[in-house]
Amino acid sequence: PINISFANFQDADDDGDGVSTRNEISAENGDIIFPYPSTGGV
């Protein structure tokens, strides 16, 4: 809803899929994966 939407830099779940951004870019040991994991170029 527009009244609770906010910009990516303020949003811990950037795609709104229920899984946090940090979880989607982290390895099991908690390290950030570079480059960020992607599927189909996204």
Full PDB file with SEQRES, HELIX, SHEET, SSBOND, CRYST1, ORIGX, SCALE, CONECT and MASTER records, all heavy atoms in Angstrom:
SEQRES   1 A   42  PRO ILE ASN ILE SER PHE ALA ASN PHE GLN ASP ALA ASP          
SEQRES   2 A   42  ASP ASP GLY ASP GLY VAL SER THR ARG ASN GLU ILE SER          
SEQRES   3 A   42  ALA GLU ASN GLY ASP ILE ILE PHE PRO TYR PRO SER THR          
SEQRES   4 A   42  GLY GLY VAL                                                  
HELIX    1 AA1 ASN A    8  GLN A   10  5                                   3    
HELIX    2 AA2 THR A   21  GLU A   24  1                                   4    
CRYST1    1.000    1.000    1.000  90.00  90.00  90.00 P 1           1          
ORIGX1      1.000000  0.000000  0.000000        0.00000                         
ORIGX2      0.000000  1.000000  0.000000        0.00000                         
ORIGX3      0.000000  0.000000  1.000000        0.00000                         
SCALE1      1.000000  0.000000  0.000000        0.00000                         
SCALE2      0.000000  1.000000  0.000000        0.00000                         
SCALE3      0.000000  0.000000  1.000000        0.00000                         
ATOM      1  N   PRO A   1       0.844  -1.197   0.000  1.00  0.00           N  
ATOM      2  CA  PRO A   1       0.000   0.000   0.000  1.00  0.00           C  
ATOM      3  C   PRO A   1       0.872   1.238   0.000  1.00  0.00           C  
ATOM      4  O   PRO A   1       1.919   1.276   0.645  1.00  0.00           O  
ATOM      5  CB  PRO A   1      -0.795  -0.130   1.312  1.00  0.00           C  
ATOM      6  CG  PRO A   1      -0.740  -1.584   1.644  1.00  0.00           C  
ATOM      7  CD  PRO A   1       0.574  -2.080   1.132  1.00  0.00           C  
ATOM      8  N   ILE A   2       0.461   2.258  -0.745  1.00  0.00           N  
ATOM      9  CA  ILE A   2       1.290   3.444  -0.936  1.00  0.00           C  
ATOM     10  C   ILE A   2       1.640   4.123   0.380  1.00  0.00           C  
ATOM     11  O   ILE A   2       2.679   4.738   0.524  1.00  0.00           O  
ATOM     12  CB  ILE A   2       0.592   4.443  -1.897  1.00  0.00           C  
ATOM     13  CG1 ILE A   2       1.578   5.548  -2.319  1.00  0.00           C  
ATOM     14  CG2 ILE A   2      -0.642   5.029  -1.243  1.00  0.00           C  
ATOM     15  CD1 ILE A   2       2.732   5.055  -3.149  1.00  0.00           C  
ATOM     16  N   ASN A   3       0.783   3.974   1.397  1.00  0.00           N  
ATOM     17  CA  ASN A   3       1.044   4.687   2.641  1.00  0.00           C  
ATOM     18  C   ASN A   3       2.133   4.029   3.481  1.00  0.00           C  
ATOM     19  O   ASN A   3       2.587   4.604   4.473  1.00  0.00           O  
ATOM     20  CB  ASN A   3      -0.235   4.812   3.476  1.00  0.00           C  
ATOM     21  CG  ASN A   3      -0.782   3.453   3.913  1.00  0.00           C  
ATOM     22  OD1 ASN A   3      -0.608   2.476   3.212  1.00  0.00           O  
ATOM     23  ND2 ASN A   3      -1.442   3.429   5.060  1.00  0.00           N  
ATOM     24  N   ILE A   4       2.577   2.826   3.134  1.00  0.00           N  
ATOM     25  CA  ILE A   4       3.654   2.222   3.899  1.00  0.00           C  
ATOM     26  C   ILE A   4       4.866   1.888   3.026  1.00  0.00           C  
ATOM     27  O   ILE A   4       5.837   1.324   3.502  1.00  0.00           O  
ATOM     28  CB  ILE A   4       3.182   0.940   4.629  1.00  0.00           C  
ATOM     29  CG1 ILE A   4       2.784  -0.147   3.618  1.00  0.00           C  
ATOM     30  CG2 ILE A   4       2.080   1.230   5.602  1.00  0.00           C  
ATOM     31  CD1 ILE A   4       2.570  -1.499   4.246  1.00  0.00           C  
ATOM     32  N   SER A   5       4.786   2.195   1.764  1.00  0.00           N  
ATOM     33  CA  SER A   5       5.918   1.919   0.890  1.00  0.00           C  
ATOM     34  C   SER A   5       7.036   2.909   1.157  1.00  0.00           C  
ATOM     35  O   SER A   5       6.794   4.057   1.529  1.00  0.00           O  
ATOM     36  CB  SER A   5       5.491   1.996  -0.576  1.00  0.00           C  
ATOM     37  OG  SER A   5       5.064   3.290  -0.910  1.00  0.00           O  
ATOM     38  N   PHE A   6       8.270   2.466   0.998  1.00  0.00           N  
ATOM     39  CA  PHE A   6       9.403   3.362   1.183  1.00  0.00           C  
ATOM     40  C   PHE A   6      10.540   2.922   0.289  1.00  0.00           C  
ATOM     41  O   PHE A   6      10.551   1.811  -0.250  1.00  0.00           O  
ATOM     42  CB  PHE A   6       9.820   3.441   2.652  1.00  0.00           C  
ATOM     43  CG  PHE A   6       9.865   2.114   3.370  1.00  0.00           C  
ATOM     44  CD1 PHE A   6      11.041   1.385   3.432  1.00  0.00           C  
ATOM     45  CD2 PHE A   6       8.733   1.618   3.994  1.00  0.00           C  
ATOM     46  CE1 PHE A   6      11.091   0.175   4.099  1.00  0.00           C  
ATOM     47  CE2 PHE A   6       8.766   0.409   4.670  1.00  0.00           C  
ATOM     48  CZ  PHE A   6       9.952  -0.329   4.718  1.00  0.00           C  
ATOM     49  N   ALA A   7      11.534   3.812   0.162  1.00  0.00           N  
ATOM     50  CA  ALA A   7      12.609   3.595  -0.801  1.00  0.00           C  
ATOM     51  C   ALA A   7      13.486   2.415  -0.397  1.00  0.00           C  
ATOM     52  O   ALA A   7      13.568   2.030   0.769  1.00  0.00           O  
ATOM     53  CB  ALA A   7      13.446   4.864  -0.923  1.00  0.00           C  
ATOM     54  N   ASN A   8      14.209   1.864  -1.387  1.00  0.00           N  
ATOM     55  CA  ASN A   8      15.029   0.680  -1.147  1.00  0.00           C  
ATOM     56  C   ASN A   8      16.046   0.879  -0.027  1.00  0.00           C  
ATOM     57  O   ASN A   8      16.311  -0.049   0.744  1.00  0.00           O  
ATOM     58  CB  ASN A   8      15.762   0.277  -2.431  1.00  0.00           C  
ATOM     59  CG  ASN A   8      14.856  -0.474  -3.393  1.00  0.00           C  
ATOM     60  OD1 ASN A   8      13.633  -0.442  -3.262  1.00  0.00           O  
ATOM     61  ND2 ASN A   8      15.454  -1.130  -4.364  1.00  0.00           N  
ATOM     62  N   PHE A   9      16.644   2.069   0.064  1.00  0.00           N  
ATOM     63  CA  PHE A   9      17.687   2.252   1.067  1.00  0.00           C  
ATOM     64  C   PHE A   9      17.120   2.256   2.490  1.00  0.00           C  
ATOM     65  O   PHE A   9      17.869   2.171   3.459  1.00  0.00           O  
ATOM     66  CB  PHE A   9      18.491   3.536   0.788  1.00  0.00           C  
ATOM     67  CG  PHE A   9      17.872   4.812   1.294  1.00  0.00           C  
ATOM     68  CD1 PHE A   9      18.299   5.377   2.489  1.00  0.00           C  
ATOM     69  CD2 PHE A   9      16.890   5.465   0.561  1.00  0.00           C  
ATOM     70  CE1 PHE A   9      17.750   6.568   2.944  1.00  0.00           C  
ATOM     71  CE2 PHE A   9      16.338   6.652   1.012  1.00  0.00           C  
ATOM     72  CZ  PHE A   9      16.771   7.202   2.217  1.00  0.00           C  
ATOM     73  N   GLN A  10      15.785   2.331   2.602  1.00  0.00           N  
ATOM     74  CA  GLN A  10      15.125   2.275   3.897  1.00  0.00           C  
ATOM     75  C   GLN A  10      14.395   0.950   4.111  1.00  0.00           C  
ATOM     76  O   GLN A  10      13.764   0.749   5.144  1.00  0.00           O  
ATOM     77  CB  GLN A  10      14.098   3.407   3.999  1.00  0.00           C  
ATOM     78  CG  GLN A  10      14.686   4.802   3.841  1.00  0.00           C  
ATOM     79  CD  GLN A  10      13.600   5.844   3.617  1.00  0.00           C  
ATOM     80  OE1 GLN A  10      12.737   5.688   2.751  1.00  0.00           O  
ATOM     81  NE2 GLN A  10      13.642   6.900   4.389  1.00  0.00           N  
ATOM     82  N   ASP A  11      14.477   0.045   3.150  1.00  0.00           N  
ATOM     83  CA  ASP A  11      13.642  -1.152   3.111  1.00  0.00           C  
ATOM     84  C   ASP A  11      14.508  -2.403   3.259  1.00  0.00           C  
ATOM     85  O   ASP A  11      15.356  -2.677   2.415  1.00  0.00           O  
ATOM     86  CB  ASP A  11      12.884  -1.189   1.777  1.00  0.00           C  
ATOM     87  CG  ASP A  11      11.829  -2.265   1.718  1.00  0.00           C  
ATOM     88  OD1 ASP A  11      11.798  -3.117   2.618  1.00  0.00           O  
ATOM     89  OD2 ASP A  11      11.033  -2.259   0.759  1.00  0.00           O  
ATOM     90  N   ALA A  12      14.288  -3.171   4.313  1.00  0.00           N  
ATOM     91  CA  ALA A  12      15.085  -4.374   4.560  1.00  0.00           C  
ATOM     92  C   ALA A  12      14.651  -5.548   3.695  1.00  0.00           C  
ATOM     93  O   ALA A  12      15.298  -6.598   3.693  1.00  0.00           O  
ATOM     94  CB  ALA A  12      15.010  -4.757   6.037  1.00  0.00           C  
ATOM     95  N   ASP A  13      13.552  -5.397   2.953  1.00  0.00           N  
ATOM     96  CA  ASP A  13      13.087  -6.429   2.015  1.00  0.00           C  
ATOM     97  C   ASP A  13      12.766  -5.734   0.699  1.00  0.00           C  
ATOM     98  O   ASP A  13      11.632  -5.356   0.428  1.00  0.00           O  
ATOM     99  CB  ASP A  13      11.858  -7.147   2.580  1.00  0.00           C  
ATOM    100  CG  ASP A  13      11.313  -8.228   1.637  1.00  0.00           C  
ATOM    101  OD1 ASP A  13      11.996  -8.540   0.651  1.00  0.00           O  
ATOM    102  OD2 ASP A  13      10.206  -8.736   1.899  1.00  0.00           O  
ATOM    103  N   ASP A  14      13.783  -5.563  -0.133  1.00  0.00           N  
ATOM    104  CA  ASP A  14      13.676  -4.678  -1.289  1.00  0.00           C  
ATOM    105  C   ASP A  14      12.701  -5.146  -2.361  1.00  0.00           C  
ATOM    106  O   ASP A  14      12.214  -4.328  -3.140  1.00  0.00           O  
ATOM    107  CB  ASP A  14      15.053  -4.468  -1.927  1.00  0.00           C  
ATOM    108  CG  ASP A  14      15.968  -3.634  -1.042  1.00  0.00           C  
ATOM    109  OD1 ASP A  14      15.492  -2.633  -0.480  1.00  0.00           O  
ATOM    110  OD2 ASP A  14      17.149  -3.988  -0.896  1.00  0.00           O  
ATOM    111  N   ASP A  15      12.429  -6.432  -2.439  1.00  0.00           N  
ATOM    112  CA  ASP A  15      11.480  -6.887  -3.451  1.00  0.00           C  
ATOM    113  C   ASP A  15      10.137  -7.290  -2.846  1.00  0.00           C  
ATOM    114  O   ASP A  15       9.236  -7.738  -3.558  1.00  0.00           O  
ATOM    115  CB  ASP A  15      12.055  -8.033  -4.293  1.00  0.00           C  
ATOM    116  CG  ASP A  15      12.512  -9.211  -3.434  1.00  0.00           C  
ATOM    117  OD1 ASP A  15      12.222  -9.216  -2.219  1.00  0.00           O  
ATOM    118  OD2 ASP A  15      13.162 -10.121  -3.980  1.00  0.00           O  
ATOM    119  N   GLY A  16       9.993  -7.136  -1.529  1.00  0.00           N  
ATOM    120  CA  GLY A  16       8.705  -7.397  -0.892  1.00  0.00           C  
ATOM    121  C   GLY A  16       8.239  -8.837  -0.987  1.00  0.00           C  
ATOM    122  O   GLY A  16       7.029  -9.098  -0.964  1.00  0.00           O  
ATOM    123  N   ASP A  17       9.202  -9.788  -1.052  1.00  0.00           N  
ATOM    124  CA  ASP A  17       8.800 -11.191  -1.209  1.00  0.00           C  
ATOM    125  C   ASP A  17       8.746 -11.937   0.119  1.00  0.00           C  
ATOM    126  O   ASP A  17       8.541 -13.157   0.148  1.00  0.00           O  
ATOM    127  CB  ASP A  17       9.731 -11.913  -2.179  1.00  0.00           C  
ATOM    128  CG  ASP A  17      11.179 -11.965  -1.690  1.00  0.00           C  
ATOM    129  OD1 ASP A  17      11.465 -11.426  -0.602  1.00  0.00           O  
ATOM    130  OD2 ASP A  17      12.027 -12.537  -2.413  1.00  0.00           O  
ATOM    131  N   GLY A  18       8.940 -11.237   1.226  1.00  0.00           N  
ATOM    132  CA  GLY A  18       8.871 -11.870   2.534  1.00  0.00           C  
ATOM    133  C   GLY A  18      10.188 -12.412   3.031  1.00  0.00           C  
ATOM    134  O   GLY A  18      10.286 -12.843   4.182  1.00  0.00           O  
ATOM    135  N   VAL A  19      11.222 -12.392   2.195  1.00  0.00           N  
ATOM    136  CA  VAL A  19      12.569 -12.802   2.599  1.00  0.00           C  
ATOM    137  C   VAL A  19      13.444 -11.558   2.602  1.00  0.00           C  
ATOM    138  O   VAL A  19      13.501 -10.831   1.608  1.00  0.00           O  
ATOM    139  CB  VAL A  19      13.158 -13.864   1.636  1.00  0.00           C  
ATOM    140  CG1 VAL A  19      14.567 -14.267   2.074  1.00  0.00           C  
ATOM    141  CG2 VAL A  19      12.251 -15.087   1.577  1.00  0.00           C  
ATOM    142  N   SER A  20      14.124 -11.300   3.699  1.00  0.00           N  
ATOM    143  CA  SER A  20      14.890 -10.067   3.813  1.00  0.00           C  
ATOM    144  C   SER A  20      16.005 -10.011   2.777  1.00  0.00           C  
ATOM    145  O   SER A  20      16.529 -11.049   2.337  1.00  0.00           O  
ATOM    146  CB  SER A  20      15.491  -9.941   5.217  1.00  0.00           C  
ATOM    147  OG  SER A  20      16.546 -10.871   5.394  1.00  0.00           O  
ATOM    148  N   THR A  21      16.359  -8.800   2.399  1.00  0.00           N  
ATOM    149  CA  THR A  21      17.462  -8.600   1.453  1.00  0.00           C  
ATOM    150  C   THR A  21      18.729  -9.253   1.970  1.00  0.00           C  
ATOM    151  O   THR A  21      19.453  -9.915   1.213  1.00  0.00           O  
ATOM    152  CB  THR A  21      17.690  -7.100   1.221  1.00  0.00           C  
ATOM    153  OG1 THR A  21      16.549  -6.552   0.550  1.00  0.00           O  
ATOM    154  CG2 THR A  21      18.942  -6.849   0.393  1.00  0.00           C  
ATOM    155  N   ARG A  22      19.030  -9.071   3.264  1.00  0.00           N  
ATOM    156  CA  ARG A  22      20.258  -9.644   3.820  1.00  0.00           C  
ATOM    157  C   ARG A  22      20.278 -11.169   3.657  1.00  0.00           C  
ATOM    158  O   ARG A  22      21.311 -11.749   3.308  1.00  0.00           O  
ATOM    159  CB  ARG A  22      20.408  -9.256   5.290  1.00  0.00           C  
ATOM    160  CG  ARG A  22      21.682  -9.803   5.935  1.00  0.00           C  
ATOM    161  CD  ARG A  22      21.856  -9.305   7.349  1.00  0.00           C  
ATOM    162  NE  ARG A  22      22.285  -7.912   7.371  1.00  0.00           N  
ATOM    163  CZ  ARG A  22      23.558  -7.524   7.267  1.00  0.00           C  
ATOM    164  NH1 ARG A  22      24.524  -8.426   7.100  1.00  0.00           N  
ATOM    165  NH2 ARG A  22      23.868  -6.244   7.316  1.00  0.00           N  
ATOM    166  N   ASN A  23      19.158 -11.819   3.888  1.00  0.00           N  
ATOM    167  CA  ASN A  23      19.113 -13.272   3.709  1.00  0.00           C  
ATOM    168  C   ASN A  23      19.345 -13.671   2.262  1.00  0.00           C  
ATOM    169  O   ASN A  23      19.976 -14.696   1.979  1.00  0.00           O  
ATOM    170  CB  ASN A  23      17.762 -13.828   4.173  1.00  0.00           C  
ATOM    171  CG  ASN A  23      17.737 -14.109   5.663  1.00  0.00           C  
ATOM    172  OD1 ASN A  23      18.775 -14.232   6.296  1.00  0.00           O  
ATOM    173  ND2 ASN A  23      16.540 -14.194   6.231  1.00  0.00           N  
ATOM    174  N   GLU A  24      18.841 -12.852   1.332  1.00  0.00           N  
ATOM    175  CA  GLU A  24      18.944 -13.216  -0.083  1.00  0.00           C  
ATOM    176  C   GLU A  24      20.332 -12.976  -0.663  1.00  0.00           C  
ATOM    177  O   GLU A  24      20.612 -13.400  -1.788  1.00  0.00           O  
ATOM    178  CB  GLU A  24      17.875 -12.477  -0.894  1.00  0.00           C  
ATOM    179  CG  GLU A  24      16.463 -12.888  -0.505  1.00  0.00           C  
ATOM    180  CD  GLU A  24      15.441 -12.591  -1.584  1.00  0.00           C  
ATOM    181  OE1 GLU A  24      15.274 -13.426  -2.492  1.00  0.00           O  
ATOM    182  OE2 GLU A  24      14.813 -11.513  -1.504  1.00  0.00           O  
ATOM    183  N   ILE A  25      21.203 -12.287   0.102  1.00  0.00           N  
ATOM    184  CA  ILE A  25      22.560 -12.040  -0.395  1.00  0.00           C  
ATOM    185  C   ILE A  25      23.623 -12.661   0.511  1.00  0.00           C  
ATOM    186  O   ILE A  25      24.814 -12.400   0.340  1.00  0.00           O  
ATOM    187  CB  ILE A  25      22.843 -10.529  -0.561  1.00  0.00           C  
ATOM    188  CG1 ILE A  25      22.780  -9.805   0.787  1.00  0.00           C  
ATOM    189  CG2 ILE A  25      21.885  -9.903  -1.563  1.00  0.00           C  
ATOM    190  CD1 ILE A  25      23.222  -8.345   0.709  1.00  0.00           C  
ATOM    191  N   SER A  26      23.203 -13.496   1.475  1.00  0.00           N  
ATOM    192  CA  SER A  26      24.138 -14.054   2.450  1.00  0.00           C  
ATOM    193  C   SER A  26      24.383 -15.540   2.253  1.00  0.00           C  
ATOM    194  O   SER A  26      23.498 -16.282   1.811  1.00  0.00           O  
ATOM    195  CB  SER A  26      23.621 -13.833   3.877  1.00  0.00           C  
ATOM    196  OG  SER A  26      23.569 -12.466   4.195  1.00  0.00           O  
ATOM    197  N   ALA A  27      25.595 -15.953   2.619  1.00  0.00           N  
ATOM    198  CA  ALA A  27      25.928 -17.374   2.682  1.00  0.00           C  
ATOM    199  C   ALA A  27      25.476 -17.912   4.042  1.00  0.00           C  
ATOM    200  O   ALA A  27      25.067 -17.157   4.922  1.00  0.00           O  
ATOM    201  CB  ALA A  27      27.428 -17.573   2.497  1.00  0.00           C  
ATOM    202  N   GLU A  28      25.580 -19.226   4.230  1.00  0.00           N  
ATOM    203  CA  GLU A  28      25.127 -19.832   5.473  1.00  0.00           C  
ATOM    204  C   GLU A  28      25.893 -19.319   6.684  1.00  0.00           C  
ATOM    205  O   GLU A  28      25.361 -19.259   7.795  1.00  0.00           O  
ATOM    206  CB  GLU A  28      25.246 -21.359   5.382  1.00  0.00           C  
ATOM    207  CG  GLU A  28      24.207 -22.001   4.471  1.00  0.00           C  
ATOM    208  CD  GLU A  28      24.204 -23.518   4.604  1.00  0.00           C  
ATOM    209  OE1 GLU A  28      23.668 -24.011   5.621  1.00  0.00           O  
ATOM    210  OE2 GLU A  28      24.728 -24.181   3.699  1.00  0.00           O  
ATOM    211  N   ASN A  29      27.169 -18.930   6.478  1.00  0.00           N  
ATOM    212  CA  ASN A  29      27.960 -18.415   7.597  1.00  0.00           C  
ATOM    213  C   ASN A  29      27.696 -16.939   7.873  1.00  0.00           C  
ATOM    214  O   ASN A  29      28.325 -16.342   8.743  1.00  0.00           O  
ATOM    215  CB  ASN A  29      29.448 -18.643   7.353  1.00  0.00           C  
ATOM    216  CG  ASN A  29      29.967 -17.873   6.138  1.00  0.00           C  
ATOM    217  OD1 ASN A  29      29.208 -17.160   5.464  1.00  0.00           O  
ATOM    218  ND2 ASN A  29      31.249 -18.019   5.841  1.00  0.00           N  
ATOM    219  N   GLY A  30      26.776 -16.335   7.112  1.00  0.00           N  
ATOM    220  CA  GLY A  30      26.414 -14.935   7.327  1.00  0.00           C  
ATOM    221  C   GLY A  30      27.178 -13.949   6.472  1.00  0.00           C  
ATOM    222  O   GLY A  30      26.859 -12.757   6.467  1.00  0.00           O  
ATOM    223  N   ASP A  31      28.209 -14.409   5.761  1.00  0.00           N  
ATOM    224  CA  ASP A  31      28.984 -13.503   4.900  1.00  0.00           C  
ATOM    225  C   ASP A  31      28.149 -13.075   3.688  1.00  0.00           C  
ATOM    226  O   ASP A  31      27.383 -13.866   3.132  1.00  0.00           O  
ATOM    227  CB  ASP A  31      30.260 -14.191   4.404  1.00  0.00           C  
ATOM    228  CG  ASP A  31      31.273 -14.410   5.520  1.00  0.00           C  
ATOM    229  OD1 ASP A  31      31.121 -13.769   6.585  1.00  0.00           O  
ATOM    230  OD2 ASP A  31      32.190 -15.230   5.322  1.00  0.00           O  
ATOM    231  N   ILE A  32      28.343 -11.809   3.293  1.00  0.00           N  
ATOM    232  CA  ILE A  32      27.683 -11.309   2.091  1.00  0.00           C  
ATOM    233  C   ILE A  32      28.358 -11.896   0.862  1.00  0.00           C  
ATOM    234  O   ILE A  32      29.590 -11.936   0.770  1.00  0.00           O  
ATOM    235  CB  ILE A  32      27.735  -9.773   2.033  1.00  0.00           C  
ATOM    236  CG1 ILE A  32      27.115  -9.164   3.296  1.00  0.00           C  
ATOM    237  CG2 ILE A  32      27.031  -9.256   0.788  1.00  0.00           C  
ATOM    238  CD1 ILE A  32      25.655  -9.480   3.485  1.00  0.00           C  
ATOM    239  N   ILE A  33      27.561 -12.364  -0.082  1.00  0.00           N  
ATOM    240  CA  ILE A  33      28.079 -12.961  -1.315  1.00  0.00           C  
ATOM    241  C   ILE A  33      28.236 -11.869  -2.377  1.00  0.00           C  
ATOM    242  O   ILE A  33      27.303 -11.138  -2.678  1.00  0.00           O  
ATOM    243  CB  ILE A  33      27.123 -14.052  -1.834  1.00  0.00           C  
ATOM    244  CG1 ILE A  33      26.935 -15.148  -0.778  1.00  0.00           C  
ATOM    245  CG2 ILE A  33      27.634 -14.639  -3.140  1.00  0.00           C  
ATOM    246  CD1 ILE A  33      25.836 -16.133  -1.130  1.00  0.00           C  
ATOM    247  N   PHE A  34      29.443 -11.785  -2.944  1.00  0.00           N  
ATOM    248  CA  PHE A  34      29.704 -10.873  -4.061  1.00  0.00           C  
ATOM    249  C   PHE A  34      30.173 -11.692  -5.265  1.00  0.00           C  
ATOM    250  O   PHE A  34      31.048 -12.552  -5.123  1.00  0.00           O  
ATOM    251  CB  PHE A  34      30.763  -9.839  -3.689  1.00  0.00           C  
ATOM    252  CG  PHE A  34      30.359  -8.893  -2.604  1.00  0.00           C  
ATOM    253  CD1 PHE A  34      30.848  -9.057  -1.308  1.00  0.00           C  
ATOM    254  CD2 PHE A  34      29.474  -7.846  -2.854  1.00  0.00           C  
ATOM    255  CE1 PHE A  34      30.489  -8.186  -0.305  1.00  0.00           C  
ATOM    256  CE2 PHE A  34      29.111  -6.972  -1.847  1.00  0.00           C  
ATOM    257  CZ  PHE A  34      29.615  -7.142  -0.557  1.00  0.00           C  
ATOM    258  N   PRO A  35      29.681 -11.445  -6.458  1.00  0.00           N  
ATOM    259  CA  PRO A  35      28.523 -10.569  -6.707  1.00  0.00           C  
ATOM    260  C   PRO A  35      27.266 -11.155  -6.087  1.00  0.00           C  
ATOM    261  O   PRO A  35      27.210 -12.352  -5.807  1.00  0.00           O  
ATOM    262  CB  PRO A  35      28.442 -10.501  -8.228  1.00  0.00           C  
ATOM    263  CG  PRO A  35      29.082 -11.785  -8.677  1.00  0.00           C  
ATOM    264  CD  PRO A  35      30.172 -12.085  -7.686  1.00  0.00           C  
ATOM    265  N   TYR A  36      26.258 -10.316  -5.899  1.00  0.00           N  
ATOM    266  CA  TYR A  36      25.036 -10.776  -5.275  1.00  0.00           C  
ATOM    267  C   TYR A  36      24.387 -11.887  -6.115  1.00  0.00           C  
ATOM    268  O   TYR A  36      24.379 -11.812  -7.342  1.00  0.00           O  
ATOM    269  CB  TYR A  36      24.042  -9.618  -5.118  1.00  0.00           C  
ATOM    270  CG  TYR A  36      24.572  -8.453  -4.322  1.00  0.00           C  
ATOM    271  CD1 TYR A  36      24.487  -7.155  -4.826  1.00  0.00           C  
ATOM    272  CD2 TYR A  36      25.159  -8.637  -3.074  1.00  0.00           C  
ATOM    273  CE1 TYR A  36      24.973  -6.083  -4.098  1.00  0.00           C  
ATOM    274  CE2 TYR A  36      25.651  -7.565  -2.344  1.00  0.00           C  
ATOM    275  CZ  TYR A  36      25.562  -6.277  -2.862  1.00  0.00           C  
ATOM    276  OH  TYR A  36      26.046  -5.230  -2.146  1.00  0.00           O  
ATOM    277  N   PRO A  37      23.857 -12.923  -5.460  1.00  0.00           N  
ATOM    278  CA  PRO A  37      23.195 -14.003  -6.201  1.00  0.00           C  
ATOM    279  C   PRO A  37      22.098 -13.467  -7.114  1.00  0.00           C  
ATOM    280  O   PRO A  37      21.351 -12.547  -6.734  1.00  0.00           O  
ATOM    281  CB  PRO A  37      22.603 -14.875  -5.091  1.00  0.00           C  
ATOM    282  CG  PRO A  37      23.439 -14.589  -3.884  1.00  0.00           C  
ATOM    283  CD  PRO A  37      23.812 -13.131  -4.009  1.00  0.00           C  
ATOM    284  N   SER A  38      22.004 -14.018  -8.296  1.00  0.00           N  
ATOM    285  CA  SER A  38      21.000 -13.563  -9.248  1.00  0.00           C  
ATOM    286  C   SER A  38      20.424 -14.741 -10.013  1.00  0.00           C  
ATOM    287  O   SER A  38      21.043 -15.799 -10.116  1.00  0.00           O  
ATOM    288  CB  SER A  38      21.592 -12.541 -10.230  1.00  0.00           C  
ATOM    289  OG  SER A  38      22.609 -13.145 -11.032  1.00  0.00           O  
ATOM    290  N   THR A  39      19.236 -14.532 -10.543  1.00  0.00           N  
ATOM    291  CA  THR A  39      18.556 -15.532 -11.353  1.00  0.00           C  
ATOM    292  C   THR A  39      18.052 -14.858 -12.622  1.00  0.00           C  
ATOM    293  O   THR A  39      17.315 -13.866 -12.551  1.00  0.00           O  
ATOM    294  CB  THR A  39      17.367 -16.149 -10.591  1.00  0.00           C  
ATOM    295  OG1 THR A  39      17.836 -16.736  -9.367  1.00  0.00           O  
ATOM    296  CG2 THR A  39      16.684 -17.211 -11.441  1.00  0.00           C  
ATOM    297  N   GLY A  40      18.471 -15.354 -13.773  1.00  0.00           N  
ATOM    298  CA  GLY A  40      18.043 -14.764 -15.033  1.00  0.00           C  
ATOM    299  C   GLY A  40      18.525 -13.334 -15.211  1.00  0.00           C  
ATOM    300  O   GLY A  40      17.867 -12.533 -15.872  1.00  0.00           O  
ATOM    301  N   GLY A  41      19.690 -13.010 -14.612  1.00  0.00           N  
ATOM    302  CA  GLY A  41      20.260 -11.674 -14.770  1.00  0.00           C  
ATOM    303  C   GLY A  41      19.704 -10.639 -13.811  1.00  0.00           C  
ATOM    304  O   GLY A  41      20.142  -9.487 -13.835  1.00  0.00           O  
ATOM    305  N   VAL A  42      18.742 -11.027 -12.957  1.00  0.00           N  
ATOM    306  CA  VAL A  42      18.161 -10.102 -11.986  1.00  0.00           C  
ATOM    307  C   VAL A  42      18.611 -10.521 -10.590  1.00  0.00           C  
ATOM    308  O   VAL A  42      18.454 -11.697 -10.216  1.00  0.00           O  
ATOM    309  CB  VAL A  42      16.617 -10.111 -12.042  1.00  0.00           C  
ATOM    310  CG1 VAL A  42      16.035  -9.171 -11.000  1.00  0.00           C  
ATOM    311  CG2 VAL A  42      16.140  -9.731 -13.436  1.00  0.00           C  
TER     312      VAL A  42                                                      
MASTER        0    0    0    2    0    0    0    6  311    1    0    4          
END                                                                             
